[in-house]
Amino acid sequence: MATSVKTVKRRIRSAKNIKQITKAMEMVSASKMRRAQEKALTARPYSQKIREILSDLSGQVDTKRHPMLSQPKSEKGVVGVIIASSDRGLCGALNTNLFRSLEEFKTMVGRERPEEILDFEFITVGKKAREYVLQTGQMLHAEFTNFPERPHFDDVLPIARLAIDGFMSGKFREIFLLYTAFITTLQQEVNFYRLLPIESRKISSSGQQLPKKPYREYIFEPGVEEVIDALLPHYIEIQVFQTILEALASEHSARMVSMRNASDNATEIIADLTLLHNKQRQQAITNEISDLITSRMAVTQEE
């Protein structure tokens, strides 16, 4: 019985240590989450507006004016996917849902285009995405890891430039963005949409498409070519930057919730183990009293 009590006490100490760690991680994630959410929500209107404008322009101007607006002509080619995951784990099912949606997306694309030959190559942001691509034997085109907690716009320019150069050179016939969009602290949604060539439809994890809005009339100064040449690269950079912000906000939110659940579970385990420990102590005391009474009765009978 004494050994069992010691074992329970050791488990209680271990559970308390785990609770301290998860509680500290929860507080750190909560602090990072607030900053990441604020930055993602602040940048979101601009990102959505420039996407809306480019969607309108792509339907009004001649797509031959710029290769980023041209639809792929060949049925063969590589589909590039920029996938944004986390560098670290302990964020619940965030990355698992992301990778499950990736496989669903590939299946959906193959079902929609059965006559086309499609190969996928990935530009990964985050160690978890890189590990998944390599473990599943898929083609890794480039990797970006260890992004700062407060990313600057300049930090994403190499990713955007890689996507633009790959599309302009003909390496990629299409480029998609795959990321986890921040909805609320308790809810994140995996989103897909085609980055290049420019289009107005957005594909979510459920396969739904957003309806097109009526076209607006634009006045171009100094001219259509100059505006398009300046706007399209900036659009790509903004969308990639917003993707990173959304992924970071989702990661910190998921990690905070996961650590909170771990702390709550540790509290329940500590309570159960403490109850078990008290029962074992009481049982040990009862056994000792019983032994004393038995011994006393034996001595009394001998007298």
Protein backbone atom coordinates (compact mmCIF):
# COMPACT_ATOMS: atom_id res chain seq x y z
CA MET A 1 0.00 0.00 0.00
CA ALA A 2 2.87 2.41 0.83
CA THR A 3 4.38 1.92 -2.64
CA SER A 4 1.03 2.62 -4.26
CA VAL A 5 0.66 5.84 -2.27
CA LYS A 6 4.11 6.97 -3.37
CA THR A 7 3.22 6.22 -6.98
CA VAL A 8 0.05 8.29 -6.78
CA LYS A 9 1.93 11.17 -5.15
CA ARG A 10 4.50 11.07 -7.96
CA ARG A 11 1.73 11.17 -10.55
CA ILE A 12 0.14 14.14 -8.80
CA ARG A 13 3.44 16.02 -8.89
CA SER A 14 3.85 15.19 -12.58
CA ALA A 15 0.32 16.41 -13.36
CA LYS A 16 0.94 19.65 -11.46
CA ASN A 17 4.16 20.26 -13.37
CA ILE A 18 2.38 19.65 -16.67
CA LYS A 19 -0.38 22.04 -15.65
CA GLN A 20 2.15 24.77 -14.87
CA ILE A 21 3.74 24.32 -18.29
CA THR A 22 0.45 24.29 -20.22
CA LYS A 23 -0.85 27.27 -18.25
CA ALA A 24 2.26 29.25 -19.07
CA MET A 25 2.01 28.28 -22.75
CA GLU A 26 -1.65 29.28 -22.73
CA MET A 27 -0.81 32.74 -21.41
CA VAL A 28 1.99 33.21 -23.94
CA SER A 29 -0.26 32.06 -26.80
CA ALA A 30 -3.04 34.36 -25.62
CA SER A 31 -0.69 37.33 -25.76
CA LYS A 32 0.57 36.40 -29.22
CA MET A 33 -2.97 35.62 -30.37
CA ARG A 34 -4.24 39.11 -29.57
CA ARG A 35 -1.48 40.75 -31.58
CA ALA A 36 -1.83 38.31 -34.49
CA GLN A 37 -5.62 38.67 -34.60
CA GLU A 38 -5.42 42.44 -34.54
CA LYS A 39 -2.93 42.49 -37.40
CA ALA A 40 -4.89 39.97 -39.50
CA LEU A 41 -8.22 41.75 -39.00
CA THR A 42 -6.68 45.16 -39.69
CA ALA A 43 -5.15 44.06 -42.99
CA ARG A 44 -8.14 41.99 -44.14
CA PRO A 45 -10.31 44.84 -45.59
CA TYR A 46 -7.48 46.05 -47.82
CA SER A 47 -6.73 42.51 -48.98
CA GLN A 48 -10.38 41.85 -49.78
CA LYS A 49 -10.80 45.18 -51.56
CA ILE A 50 -7.80 44.76 -53.82
CA ARG A 51 -8.96 41.23 -54.66
CA GLU A 52 -12.39 42.60 -55.52
CA ILE A 53 -10.89 45.28 -57.75
CA LEU A 54 -8.66 42.79 -59.57
CA SER A 55 -11.62 40.46 -60.04
CA ASP A 56 -13.54 43.30 -61.70
CA LEU A 57 -10.60 44.34 -63.85
CA SER A 58 -9.97 40.78 -65.04
CA GLY A 59 -13.47 40.76 -66.50
CA GLN A 60 -13.23 44.18 -68.17
CA VAL A 61 -9.76 44.38 -69.68
CA ASP A 62 -8.23 42.25 -72.38
CA THR A 63 -6.53 39.33 -70.63
CA LYS A 64 -3.82 39.41 -73.29
CA ARG A 65 -2.59 42.70 -71.87
CA HIS A 66 -0.81 40.88 -69.05
CA PRO A 67 0.20 37.20 -68.68
CA MET A 68 -1.05 37.11 -65.07
CA LEU A 69 -4.57 37.51 -66.41
CA SER A 70 -4.25 34.84 -69.11
CA GLN A 71 -5.92 31.51 -68.59
CA PRO A 72 -3.71 28.42 -69.05
CA LYS A 73 -3.75 27.19 -72.62
CA SER A 74 -2.06 23.84 -72.17
CA GLU A 75 -3.75 20.86 -70.55
CA LYS A 76 -0.38 19.79 -69.18
CA GLY A 77 1.61 21.59 -66.55
CA VAL A 78 2.38 21.95 -62.90
CA VAL A 79 -0.12 23.28 -60.39
CA GLY A 80 1.67 25.24 -57.69
CA VAL A 81 0.23 25.32 -54.18
CA ILE A 82 1.41 27.75 -51.52
CA ILE A 83 0.48 26.06 -48.24
CA ALA A 84 0.82 27.90 -44.91
CA SER A 85 1.11 25.81 -41.76
CA SER A 86 2.74 26.25 -38.36
CA ASP A 87 6.39 25.77 -37.43
CA ARG A 88 5.52 24.10 -34.13
CA GLY A 89 2.93 21.64 -32.90
CA LEU A 90 0.69 21.69 -29.81
CA CYS A 91 -2.02 23.54 -31.71
CA GLY A 92 -4.72 20.89 -31.75
CA ALA A 93 -6.04 19.65 -35.08
CA LEU A 94 -5.06 22.79 -36.97
CA ASN A 95 -2.44 21.22 -39.23
CA THR A 96 -4.31 17.92 -39.49
CA ASN A 97 -7.38 19.70 -40.87
CA LEU A 98 -5.16 21.69 -43.23
CA PHE A 99 -3.56 18.59 -44.73
CA ARG A 100 -6.87 16.72 -44.91
CA SER A 101 -8.34 19.63 -46.85
CA LEU A 102 -5.31 19.60 -49.15
CA GLU A 103 -6.01 15.99 -50.16
CA GLU A 104 -9.69 16.80 -50.63
CA PHE A 105 -8.74 19.75 -52.81
CA LYS A 106 -6.47 17.64 -55.01
CA THR A 107 -9.25 15.08 -55.40
CA MET A 108 -11.73 17.80 -56.27
CA VAL A 109 -9.45 19.33 -58.90
CA GLY A 110 -8.83 15.92 -60.45
CA ARG A 111 -12.55 15.19 -60.56
CA GLU A 112 -13.34 18.56 -62.18
CA ARG A 113 -10.61 18.15 -64.83
CA PRO A 114 -10.47 14.43 -65.68
CA GLU A 115 -9.11 15.14 -69.18
CA GLU A 116 -6.12 17.16 -67.93
CA ILE A 117 -2.78 15.87 -66.68
CA LEU A 118 -1.98 17.66 -63.43
CA ASP A 119 1.13 17.53 -61.31
CA PHE A 120 1.34 19.38 -58.02
CA GLU A 121 4.34 21.17 -56.55
CA PHE A 122 4.31 22.88 -53.19
CA ILE A 123 5.75 26.05 -51.76
CA THR A 124 5.53 25.45 -48.02
CA VAL A 125 5.42 28.04 -45.28
CA GLY A 126 6.07 26.39 -41.93
CA LYS A 127 7.92 23.24 -40.87
CA LYS A 128 4.78 21.13 -40.52
CA ALA A 129 3.79 21.64 -44.16
CA ARG A 130 7.32 20.82 -45.32
CA GLU A 131 7.36 17.62 -43.25
CA TYR A 132 3.96 16.56 -44.58
CA VAL A 133 4.92 17.12 -48.21
CA LEU A 134 8.18 15.19 -47.83
CA GLN A 135 6.61 12.35 -45.83
CA THR A 136 3.86 11.85 -48.41
CA GLY A 137 6.37 11.78 -51.28
CA GLN A 138 5.07 14.90 -53.01
CA MET A 139 7.15 17.46 -54.87
CA LEU A 140 8.55 20.29 -52.75
CA HIS A 141 9.38 23.34 -54.88
CA ALA A 142 10.53 25.65 -52.05
CA GLU A 143 10.25 26.01 -48.29
CA PHE A 144 10.05 28.94 -45.90
CA THR A 145 10.30 28.41 -42.15
CA ASN A 146 10.81 30.31 -38.90
CA PHE A 147 8.74 33.35 -39.78
CA PRO A 148 8.87 36.07 -37.09
CA GLU A 149 5.99 36.40 -34.66
CA ARG A 150 5.29 39.84 -36.09
CA PRO A 151 5.92 39.43 -39.82
CA HIS A 152 6.72 42.48 -41.87
CA PHE A 153 5.50 42.97 -45.41
CA ASP A 154 9.06 42.58 -46.70
CA ASP A 155 9.25 39.09 -45.15
CA VAL A 156 6.77 37.66 -47.68
CA LEU A 157 8.21 39.29 -50.79
CA PRO A 158 10.47 36.28 -51.62
CA ILE A 159 7.41 34.00 -51.58
CA ALA A 160 5.44 36.33 -53.83
CA ARG A 161 8.38 36.80 -56.19
CA LEU A 162 8.88 33.02 -56.41
CA ALA A 163 5.21 32.55 -57.33
CA ILE A 164 5.25 35.36 -59.91
CA ASP A 165 8.48 34.21 -61.56
CA GLY A 166 7.28 30.59 -61.62
CA PHE A 167 4.03 31.55 -63.33
CA MET A 168 5.54 34.04 -65.75
CA SER A 169 8.21 31.55 -66.83
CA GLY A 170 5.64 28.84 -67.49
CA LYS A 171 6.79 26.59 -64.67
CA PHE A 172 3.33 26.77 -63.10
CA ARG A 173 0.14 26.82 -65.10
CA GLU A 174 -1.82 27.77 -61.97
CA ILE A 175 -0.97 28.75 -58.41
CA PHE A 176 -3.31 28.24 -55.46
CA LEU A 177 -3.17 29.50 -51.90
CA LEU A 178 -4.05 27.08 -49.10
CA TYR A 179 -4.24 28.39 -45.56
CA THR A 180 -6.29 28.41 -42.37
CA ALA A 181 -8.35 31.59 -42.14
CA PHE A 182 -9.10 33.07 -38.75
CA ILE A 183 -12.83 33.27 -37.99
CA THR A 184 -13.01 33.40 -34.20
CA THR A 185 -10.82 32.25 -31.35
CA LEU A 186 -12.64 28.92 -31.36
CA GLN A 187 -13.14 28.61 -35.12
CA GLN A 188 -10.73 28.52 -38.04
CA GLU A 189 -11.56 27.57 -41.61
CA VAL A 190 -9.33 26.11 -44.30
CA ASN A 191 -9.55 28.20 -47.48
CA PHE A 192 -8.42 27.66 -51.06
CA TYR A 193 -8.42 30.13 -53.87
CA ARG A 194 -6.55 30.53 -57.10
CA LEU A 195 -3.88 33.19 -56.93
CA LEU A 196 -2.70 33.04 -60.53
CA PRO A 197 -4.05 33.57 -63.09
CA ILE A 198 -6.39 36.14 -61.57
CA GLU A 199 -9.98 35.00 -61.18
CA SER A 200 -13.01 36.13 -59.26
CA ARG A 201 -14.05 32.84 -57.71
CA LYS A 202 -12.95 31.64 -54.29
CA ILE A 203 -12.91 27.98 -53.34
CA SER A 204 -13.36 27.05 -49.69
CA SER A 205 -12.90 23.69 -48.03
CA SER A 206 -16.55 22.93 -48.77
CA GLY A 207 -16.08 23.65 -52.48
CA GLN A 208 -18.51 26.59 -52.46
CA GLN A 209 -17.93 29.59 -54.71
CA LEU A 210 -18.60 33.20 -53.83
CA PRO A 211 -21.00 34.95 -56.23
CA LYS A 212 -19.62 37.57 -58.59
CA LYS A 213 -20.54 41.18 -58.00
CA PRO A 214 -21.61 43.55 -60.80
CA TYR A 215 -18.71 45.09 -62.70
CA ARG A 216 -17.76 48.68 -61.92
CA GLU A 217 -16.57 51.31 -64.37
CA TYR A 218 -12.94 52.40 -63.95
CA ILE A 219 -10.99 55.34 -65.34
CA PHE A 220 -7.33 54.41 -65.88
CA GLU A 221 -4.57 56.99 -65.44
CA PRO A 222 -2.08 57.12 -67.07
CA GLY A 223 -3.25 53.98 -68.92
CA VAL A 224 -4.50 50.43 -68.62
CA GLU A 225 -1.08 48.81 -69.16
CA GLU A 226 0.66 50.99 -66.59
CA VAL A 227 -2.00 50.40 -63.95
CA ILE A 228 -2.13 46.66 -64.51
CA ASP A 229 1.67 46.31 -64.50
CA ALA A 230 1.89 48.12 -61.16
CA LEU A 231 -1.18 46.60 -59.53
CA LEU A 232 -0.83 42.88 -60.27
CA PRO A 233 2.52 42.23 -58.51
CA HIS A 234 1.33 44.26 -55.52
CA TYR A 235 -1.87 42.22 -55.45
CA ILE A 236 0.09 38.96 -55.27
CA GLU A 237 2.27 40.31 -52.46
CA ILE A 238 -0.75 41.49 -50.47
CA GLN A 239 -2.56 38.17 -50.80
CA VAL A 240 0.49 36.19 -49.68
CA PHE A 241 1.02 38.58 -46.76
CA GLN A 242 -2.62 38.25 -45.68
CA THR A 243 -2.31 34.47 -45.92
CA ILE A 244 0.62 34.50 -43.48
CA LEU A 245 -1.25 36.79 -41.08
CA GLU A 246 -4.35 34.60 -41.15
CA ALA A 247 -2.28 31.45 -40.59
CA LEU A 248 -0.46 32.98 -37.61
CA ALA A 249 -3.67 34.20 -35.99
CA SER A 250 -5.24 30.78 -36.46
CA GLU A 251 -2.14 29.02 -35.08
CA HIS A 252 -1.98 31.08 -31.88
CA SER A 253 -5.75 30.79 -31.35
CA ALA A 254 -5.66 27.01 -31.79
CA ARG A 255 -2.63 26.67 -29.51
CA MET A 256 -4.20 28.79 -26.77
CA VAL A 257 -7.40 26.72 -26.85
CA SER A 258 -5.40 23.49 -26.93
CA MET A 259 -3.27 24.52 -23.93
CA ARG A 260 -6.37 25.64 -22.04
CA ASN A 261 -7.96 22.24 -22.61
CA ALA A 262 -4.74 20.56 -21.50
CA SER A 263 -4.70 22.66 -18.31
CA ASP A 264 -8.33 21.78 -17.61
CA ASN A 265 -7.62 18.09 -18.16
CA ALA A 266 -4.61 18.29 -15.84
CA THR A 267 -6.80 19.88 -13.17
CA GLU A 268 -9.30 17.02 -13.45
CA ILE A 269 -6.51 14.43 -13.27
CA ILE A 270 -5.04 16.11 -10.19
CA ALA A 271 -8.45 16.10 -8.50
CA ASP A 272 -9.00 12.41 -9.30
CA LEU A 273 -5.50 11.44 -8.15
CA THR A 274 -5.85 13.49 -4.97
CA LEU A 275 -9.09 11.69 -4.17
CA LEU A 276 -7.42 8.35 -4.84
CA HIS A 277 -4.46 9.37 -2.66
CA ASN A 278 -6.75 10.33 0.21
CA LYS A 279 -8.61 7.04 -0.06
CA GLN A 280 -5.37 5.09 0.02
CA ARG A 281 -4.13 7.03 3.04
CA GLN A 282 -7.41 6.43 4.80
CA GLN A 283 -7.22 2.75 3.95
CA ALA A 284 -3.66 2.57 5.30
CA ILE A 285 -4.69 4.27 8.54
CA THR A 286 -7.68 1.93 8.88
CA ASN A 287 -5.42 -1.09 8.38
CA GLU A 288 -2.98 0.17 11.01
CA ILE A 289 -5.79 0.74 13.53
CA SER A 290 -7.18 -2.69 12.74
CA ASP A 291 -3.78 -4.25 13.33
CA LEU A 292 -3.42 -2.44 16.68
CA ILE A 293 -6.85 -3.54 17.82
CA THR A 294 -6.16 -7.14 16.78
CA SER A 295 -2.84 -7.12 18.63
CA ARG A 296 -4.43 -5.61 21.72
CA MET A 297 -7.19 -8.22 21.72
CA ALA A 298 -4.61 -11.00 21.39
CA VAL A 299 -2.63 -9.65 24.36
CA THR A 300 -5.78 -9.29 26.44
CA GLN A 301 -6.81 -12.88 25.75
CA GLU A 302 -3.36 -14.16 26.82
CA GLU A 303 -3.64 -12.26 30.11
